[in-house]
PDB file of N, CA and C in Angstrom:
ATOM      1  N   MET A   1      57.946  18.408   1.403  1.00  0.00           N
ATOM      2  CA  MET A   1      57.123  18.386   2.590  1.00  0.00           C
ATOM      3  C   MET A   1      56.807  16.930   2.926  1.00  0.00           C
ATOM      4  N   THR A   2      56.719  16.639   4.216  1.00  0.00           N
ATOM      5  CA  THR A   2      56.392  15.280   4.632  1.00  0.00           C
ATOM      6  C   THR A   2      54.897  15.170   4.924  1.00  0.00           C
ATOM      7  N   LEU A   3      54.438  13.957   5.025  1.00  0.00           N
ATOM      8  CA  LEU A   3      53.028  13.710   5.300  1.00  0.00           C
ATOM      9  C   LEU A   3      52.626  14.256   6.670  1.00  0.00           C
ATOM     10  N   LYS A   4      53.562  14.278   7.602  1.00  0.00           N
ATOM     11  CA  LYS A   4      53.260  14.798   8.937  1.00  0.00           C
ATOM     12  C   LYS A   4      52.897  16.283   8.887  1.00  0.00           C
ATOM     13  N   GLU A   5      53.426  17.022   7.917  1.00  0.00           N
ATOM     14  CA  GLU A   5      53.183  18.455   7.782  1.00  0.00           C
ATOM     15  C   GLU A   5      51.973  18.768   6.905  1.00  0.00           C
ATOM     16  N   ALA A   6      51.339  17.749   6.349  1.00  0.00           N
ATOM     17  CA  ALA A   6      50.227  17.945   5.409  1.00  0.00           C
ATOM     18  C   ALA A   6      48.985  18.486   6.109  1.00  0.00           C
ATOM     19  N   ARG A   7      48.203  19.241   5.355  1.00  0.00           N
ATOM     20  CA  ARG A   7      46.932  19.763   5.867  1.00  0.00           C
ATOM     21  C   ARG A   7      45.855  18.686   5.758  1.00  0.00           C
ATOM     22  N   GLU A   8      44.984  18.659   6.738  1.00  0.00           N
ATOM     23  CA  GLU A   8      43.887  17.684   6.744  1.00  0.00           C
ATOM     24  C   GLU A   8      42.899  17.977   5.621  1.00  0.00           C
ATOM     25  N   GLY A   9      42.444  16.922   4.963  1.00  0.00           N
ATOM     26  CA  GLY A   9      41.415  17.043   3.936  1.00  0.00           C
ATOM     27  C   GLY A   9      41.923  17.391   2.551  1.00  0.00           C
ATOM     28  N   LYS A  10      43.202  17.679   2.387  1.00  0.00           N
ATOM     29  CA  LYS A  10      43.754  18.026   1.080  1.00  0.00           C
ATOM     30  C   LYS A  10      44.456  16.807   0.483  1.00  0.00           C
ATOM     31  N   GLU A  11      44.219  16.568  -0.802  1.00  0.00           N
ATOM     32  CA  GLU A  11      44.845  15.432  -1.476  1.00  0.00           C
ATOM     33  C   GLU A  11      46.231  15.819  -1.966  1.00  0.00           C
ATOM     34  N   TYR A  12      47.196  14.948  -1.720  1.00  0.00           N
ATOM     35  CA  TYR A  12      48.576  15.142  -2.155  1.00  0.00           C
ATOM     36  C   TYR A  12      49.007  13.938  -2.986  1.00  0.00           C
ATOM     37  N   ILE A  13      50.060  14.113  -3.744  1.00  0.00           N
ATOM     38  CA  ILE A  13      50.653  13.012  -4.514  1.00  0.00           C
ATOM     39  C   ILE A  13      51.956  12.612  -3.832  1.00  0.00           C
ATOM     40  N   ILE A  14      52.126  11.327  -3.589  1.00  0.00           N
ATOM     41  CA  ILE A  14      53.346  10.831  -2.950  1.00  0.00           C
ATOM     42  C   ILE A  14      54.504  10.975  -3.931  1.00  0.00           C
ATOM     43  N   GLN A  15      55.551  11.678  -3.495  1.00  0.00           N
ATOM     44  CA  GLN A  15      56.745  11.861  -4.325  1.00  0.00           C
ATOM     45  C   GLN A  15      57.751  10.722  -4.110  1.00  0.00           C
ATOM     46  N   SER A  16      57.968  10.369  -2.839  1.00  0.00           N
ATOM     47  CA  SER A  16      58.896   9.275  -2.526  1.00  0.00           C
ATOM     48  C   SER A  16      58.688   8.819  -1.096  1.00  0.00           C
ATOM     49  N   ILE A  17      59.295   7.693  -0.776  1.00  0.00           N
ATOM     50  CA  ILE A  17      59.268   7.164   0.579  1.00  0.00           C
ATOM     51  C   ILE A  17      60.711   6.926   0.991  1.00  0.00           C
ATOM     52  N   LYS A  18      61.129   7.601   2.055  1.00  0.00           N
ATOM     53  CA  LYS A  18      62.524   7.532   2.496  1.00  0.00           C
ATOM     54  C   LYS A  18      62.643   6.608   3.693  1.00  0.00           C
ATOM     55  N   THR A  19      62.861   5.349   3.409  1.00  0.00           N
ATOM     56  CA  THR A  19      63.113   4.354   4.452  1.00  0.00           C
ATOM     57  C   THR A  19      64.070   3.303   3.893  1.00  0.00           C
ATOM     58  N   ASP A  20      64.930   2.787   4.760  1.00  0.00           N
ATOM     59  CA  ASP A  20      65.891   1.763   4.338  1.00  0.00           C
ATOM     60  C   ASP A  20      65.383   0.353   4.615  1.00  0.00           C
ATOM     61  N   ASP A  21      64.215   0.248   5.224  1.00  0.00           N
ATOM     62  CA  ASP A  21      63.631  -1.036   5.600  1.00  0.00           C
ATOM     63  C   ASP A  21      62.834  -1.605   4.419  1.00  0.00           C
ATOM     64  N   GLU A  22      63.361  -2.640   3.797  1.00  0.00           N
ATOM     65  CA  GLU A  22      62.713  -3.232   2.620  1.00  0.00           C
ATOM     66  C   GLU A  22      61.367  -3.855   2.960  1.00  0.00           C
ATOM     67  N   GLU A  23      61.248  -4.436   4.153  1.00  0.00           N
ATOM     68  CA  GLU A  23      59.975  -5.028   4.575  1.00  0.00           C
ATOM     69  C   GLU A  23      58.905  -3.943   4.733  1.00  0.00           C
ATOM     70  N   LEU A  24      59.292  -2.798   5.271  1.00  0.00           N
ATOM     71  CA  LEU A  24      58.365  -1.672   5.413  1.00  0.00           C
ATOM     72  C   LEU A  24      57.953  -1.144   4.041  1.00  0.00           C
ATOM     73  N   ASN A  25      58.891  -1.051   3.116  1.00  0.00           N
ATOM     74  CA  ASN A  25      58.570  -0.623   1.747  1.00  0.00           C
ATOM     75  C   ASN A  25      57.557  -1.567   1.108  1.00  0.00           C
ATOM     76  N   SER A  26      57.740  -2.859   1.292  1.00  0.00           N
ATOM     77  CA  SER A  26      56.811  -3.845   0.732  1.00  0.00           C
ATOM     78  C   SER A  26      55.430  -3.718   1.356  1.00  0.00           C
ATOM     79  N   PHE A  27      55.383  -3.481   2.662  1.00  0.00           N
ATOM     80  CA  PHE A  27      54.107  -3.309   3.354  1.00  0.00           C
ATOM     81  C   PHE A  27      53.370  -2.078   2.831  1.00  0.00           C
ATOM     82  N   LEU A  28      54.080  -0.961   2.715  1.00  0.00           N
ATOM     83  CA  LEU A  28      53.460   0.268   2.214  1.00  0.00           C
ATOM     84  C   LEU A  28      52.977   0.091   0.777  1.00  0.00           C
ATOM     85  N   PHE A  29      53.755  -0.607  -0.027  1.00  0.00           N
ATOM     86  CA  PHE A  29      53.365  -0.868  -1.409  1.00  0.00           C
ATOM     87  C   PHE A  29      52.075  -1.682  -1.460  1.00  0.00           C
ATOM     88  N   SER A  30      51.933  -2.648  -0.546  1.00  0.00           N
ATOM     89  CA  SER A  30      50.717  -3.474  -0.522  1.00  0.00           C
ATOM     90  C   SER A  30      49.487  -2.653  -0.129  1.00  0.00           C
ATOM     91  N   LEU A  31      49.700  -1.557   0.609  1.00  0.00           N
ATOM     92  CA  LEU A  31      48.593  -0.661   0.965  1.00  0.00           C
ATOM     93  C   LEU A  31      48.249   0.299  -0.172  1.00  0.00           C
ATOM     94  N   GLY A  32      49.134   0.390  -1.155  1.00  0.00           N
ATOM     95  CA  GLY A  32      48.935   1.341  -2.246  1.00  0.00           C
ATOM     96  C   GLY A  32      49.678   2.638  -2.017  1.00  0.00           C
ATOM     97  N   CYS A  33      50.607   2.630  -1.085  1.00  0.00           N
ATOM     98  CA  CYS A  33      51.374   3.820  -0.729  1.00  0.00           C
ATOM     99  C   CYS A  33      52.729   3.767  -1.434  1.00  0.00           C
ATOM    100  N   TYR A  34      52.806   4.380  -2.623  1.00  0.00           N
ATOM    101  CA  TYR A  34      54.046   4.433  -3.383  1.00  0.00           C
ATOM    102  C   TYR A  34      54.040   5.671  -4.267  1.00  0.00           C
ATOM    103  N   SER A  35      55.155   5.988  -4.849  1.00  0.00           N
ATOM    104  CA  SER A  35      55.312   7.214  -5.644  1.00  0.00           C
ATOM    105  C   SER A  35      54.256   7.325  -6.729  1.00  0.00           C
ATOM    106  N   GLY A  36      53.683   8.527  -6.843  1.00  0.00           N
ATOM    107  CA  GLY A  36      52.693   8.796  -7.866  1.00  0.00           C
ATOM    108  C   GLY A  36      51.256   8.588  -7.427  1.00  0.00           C
ATOM    109  N   GLU A  37      51.044   7.985  -6.270  1.00  0.00           N
ATOM    110  CA  GLU A  37      49.687   7.720  -5.779  1.00  0.00           C
ATOM    111  C   GLU A  37      49.164   8.887  -4.955  1.00  0.00           C
ATOM    112  N   PRO A  38      47.871   9.193  -5.075  1.00  0.00           N
ATOM    113  CA  PRO A  38      47.283  10.235  -4.228  1.00  0.00           C
ATOM    114  C   PRO A  38      47.079   9.733  -2.805  1.00  0.00           C
ATOM    115  N   ILE A  39      47.249  10.643  -1.847  1.00  0.00           N
ATOM    116  CA  ILE A  39      47.057  10.324  -0.432  1.00  0.00           C
ATOM    117  C   ILE A  39      46.423  11.539   0.244  1.00  0.00           C
ATOM    118  N   THR A  40      45.530  11.305   1.169  1.00  0.00           N
ATOM    119  CA  THR A  40      44.847  12.381   1.887  1.00  0.00           C
ATOM    120  C   THR A  40      44.972  12.144   3.381  1.00  0.00           C
ATOM    121  N   VAL A  41      45.358  13.187   4.129  1.00  0.00           N
ATOM    122  CA  VAL A  41      45.377  13.098   5.585  1.00  0.00           C
ATOM    123  C   VAL A  41      43.966  13.396   6.080  1.00  0.00           C
ATOM    124  N   VAL A  42      43.354  12.429   6.732  1.00  0.00           N
ATOM    125  CA  VAL A  42      42.008  12.592   7.260  1.00  0.00           C
ATOM    126  C   VAL A  42      42.065  13.383   8.566  1.00  0.00           C
ATOM    127  N   SER A  43      42.993  13.006   9.449  1.00  0.00           N
ATOM    128  CA  SER A  43      43.167  13.756  10.693  1.00  0.00           C
ATOM    129  C   SER A  43      44.535  13.480  11.296  1.00  0.00           C
ATOM    130  N   HIS A  44      45.019  14.455  12.075  1.00  0.00           N
ATOM    131  CA  HIS A  44      46.263  14.312  12.824  1.00  0.00           C
ATOM    132  C   HIS A  44      45.909  14.000  14.265  1.00  0.00           C
ATOM    133  N   LEU A  45      46.553  12.991  14.820  1.00  0.00           N
ATOM    134  CA  LEU A  45      46.385  12.645  16.224  1.00  0.00           C
ATOM    135  C   LEU A  45      47.685  12.971  16.953  1.00  0.00           C
ATOM    136  N   LYS A  46      47.745  12.708  18.247  1.00  0.00           N
ATOM    137  CA  LYS A  46      48.930  13.076  19.026  1.00  0.00           C
ATOM    138  C   LYS A  46      50.203  12.401  18.517  1.00  0.00           C
ATOM    139  N   ASN A  47      50.174  11.094  18.332  1.00  0.00           N
ATOM    140  CA  ASN A  47      51.367  10.360  17.912  1.00  0.00           C
ATOM    141  C   ASN A  47      51.229   9.682  16.563  1.00  0.00           C
ATOM    142  N   SER A  48      50.184  10.036  15.821  1.00  0.00           N
ATOM    143  CA  SER A  48      49.954   9.388  14.529  1.00  0.00           C
ATOM    144  C   SER A  48      49.022  10.242  13.683  1.00  0.00           C
ATOM    145  N   CYS A  49      48.741   9.754  12.489  1.00  0.00           N
ATOM    146  CA  CYS A  49      47.749  10.423  11.656  1.00  0.00           C
ATOM    147  C   CYS A  49      46.972   9.357  10.876  1.00  0.00           C
ATOM    148  N   ILE A  50      45.751   9.709  10.534  1.00  0.00           N
ATOM    149  CA  ILE A  50      44.896   8.810   9.767  1.00  0.00           C
ATOM    150  C   ILE A  50      44.922   9.288   8.325  1.00  0.00           C
ATOM    151  N   VAL A  51      45.243   8.371   7.413  1.00  0.00           N
ATOM    152  CA  VAL A  51      45.343   8.725   6.007  1.00  0.00           C
ATOM    153  C   VAL A  51      44.383   7.873   5.185  1.00  0.00           C
ATOM    154  N   SER A  52      44.011   8.416   4.046  1.00  0.00           N
ATOM    155  CA  SER A  52      43.172   7.700   3.103  1.00  0.00           C
ATOM    156  C   SER A  52      44.002   7.433   1.849  1.00  0.00           C
ATOM    157  N   ILE A  53      44.159   6.159   1.523  1.00  0.00           N
ATOM    158  CA  ILE A  53      44.891   5.737   0.326  1.00  0.00           C
ATOM    159  C   ILE A  53      43.966   4.816  -0.451  1.00  0.00           C
ATOM    160  N   LYS A  54      43.723   5.176  -1.711  1.00  0.00           N
ATOM    161  CA  LYS A  54      42.780   4.419  -2.535  1.00  0.00           C
ATOM    162  C   LYS A  54      41.448   4.309  -1.808  1.00  0.00           C
ATOM    163  N   ASP A  55      40.973   3.096  -1.495  1.00  0.00           N
ATOM    164  CA  ASP A  55      39.676   2.924  -0.836  1.00  0.00           C
ATOM    165  C   ASP A  55      39.793   2.617   0.643  1.00  0.00           C
ATOM    166  N   GLY A  56      40.991   2.756   1.218  1.00  0.00           N
ATOM    167  CA  GLY A  56      41.177   2.398   2.622  1.00  0.00           C
ATOM    168  C   GLY A  56      41.653   3.560   3.469  1.00  0.00           C
ATOM    169  N   ARG A  57      41.410   3.429   4.770  1.00  0.00           N
ATOM    170  CA  ARG A  57      41.912   4.398   5.744  1.00  0.00           C
ATOM    171  C   ARG A  57      42.862   3.662   6.679  1.00  0.00           C
ATOM    172  N   TYR A  58      43.989   4.306   6.966  1.00  0.00           N
ATOM    173  CA  TYR A  58      45.019   3.679   7.781  1.00  0.00           C
ATOM    174  C   TYR A  58      45.541   4.659   8.817  1.00  0.00           C
ATOM    175  N   ASN A  59      45.917   4.141   9.976  1.00  0.00           N
ATOM    176  CA  ASN A  59      46.522   4.931  11.025  1.00  0.00           C
ATOM    177  C   ASN A  59      48.025   4.669  10.985  1.00  0.00           C
ATOM    178  N   ILE A  60      48.818   5.701  10.696  1.00  0.00           N
ATOM    179  CA  ILE A  60      50.265   5.538  10.641  1.00  0.00           C
ATOM    180  C   ILE A  60      50.913   6.435  11.690  1.00  0.00           C
ATOM    181  N   ASP A  61      52.012   5.965  12.274  1.00  0.00           N
ATOM    182  CA  ASP A  61      52.663   6.752  13.314  1.00  0.00           C
ATOM    183  C   ASP A  61      53.448   7.910  12.700  1.00  0.00           C
ATOM    184  N   ASN A  62      53.821   8.858  13.554  1.00  0.00           N
ATOM    185  CA  ASN A  62      54.490  10.067  13.080  1.00  0.00           C
ATOM    186  C   ASN A  62      55.846   9.778  12.439  1.00  0.00           C
ATOM    187  N   GLN A  63      56.554   8.769  12.921  1.00  0.00           N
ATOM    188  CA  GLN A  63      57.861   8.432  12.348  1.00  0.00           C
ATOM    189  C   GLN A  63      57.698   7.987  10.890  1.00  0.00           C
ATOM    190  N   LEU A  64      56.705   7.192  10.613  1.00  0.00           N
ATOM    191  CA  LEU A  64      56.444   6.759   9.241  1.00  0.00           C
ATOM    192  C   LEU A  64      55.919   7.919   8.400  1.00  0.00           C
ATOM    193  N   ALA A  65      55.091   8.770   8.993  1.00  0.00           N
ATOM    194  CA  ALA A  65      54.551   9.929   8.276  1.00  0.00           C
ATOM    195  C   ALA A  65      55.675  10.867   7.823  1.00  0.00           C
ATOM    196  N   GLU A  66      56.749  10.950   8.613  1.00  0.00           N
ATOM    197  CA  GLU A  66      57.890  11.771   8.243  1.00  0.00           C
ATOM    198  C   GLU A  66      58.699  11.165   7.110  1.00  0.00           C
ATOM    199  N   ALA A  67      58.568   9.861   6.894  1.00  0.00           N
ATOM    200  CA  ALA A  67      59.308   9.180   5.830  1.00  0.00           C
ATOM    201  C   ALA A  67      58.590   9.287   4.477  1.00  0.00           C
ATOM    202  N   ILE A  68      57.321   9.669   4.483  1.00  0.00           N
ATOM    203  CA  ILE A  68      56.540   9.782   3.247  1.00  0.00           C
ATOM    204  C   ILE A  68      56.606  11.222   2.757  1.00  0.00           C
ATOM    205  N   ILE A  69      57.257  11.427   1.625  1.00  0.00           N
ATOM    206  CA  ILE A  69      57.452  12.757   1.047  1.00  0.00           C
ATOM    207  C   ILE A  69      56.357  13.027   0.031  1.00  0.00           C
ATOM    208  N   ILE A  70      55.680  14.183   0.203  1.00  0.00           N
ATOM    209  CA  ILE A  70      54.600  14.552  -0.714  1.00  0.00           C
ATOM    210  C   ILE A  70      54.948  15.820  -1.460  1.00  0.00           C
TER     211      ILE A  70
END
């Protein structure tokens, strides 16, 4: 299941991130978004979703949310 399909308020564990962009992988890693880390969808918006990773909240677009496998 991808992050875009996740239910709001439920904590999931990131299984993998499917992207070929190394710069994007490095950016996500700096946010704490990598395999084995818990992630929670706070809310779904029209073209993005708000997620909670560690102590931060981030707004990610739907294309990136589809690349995060939970």
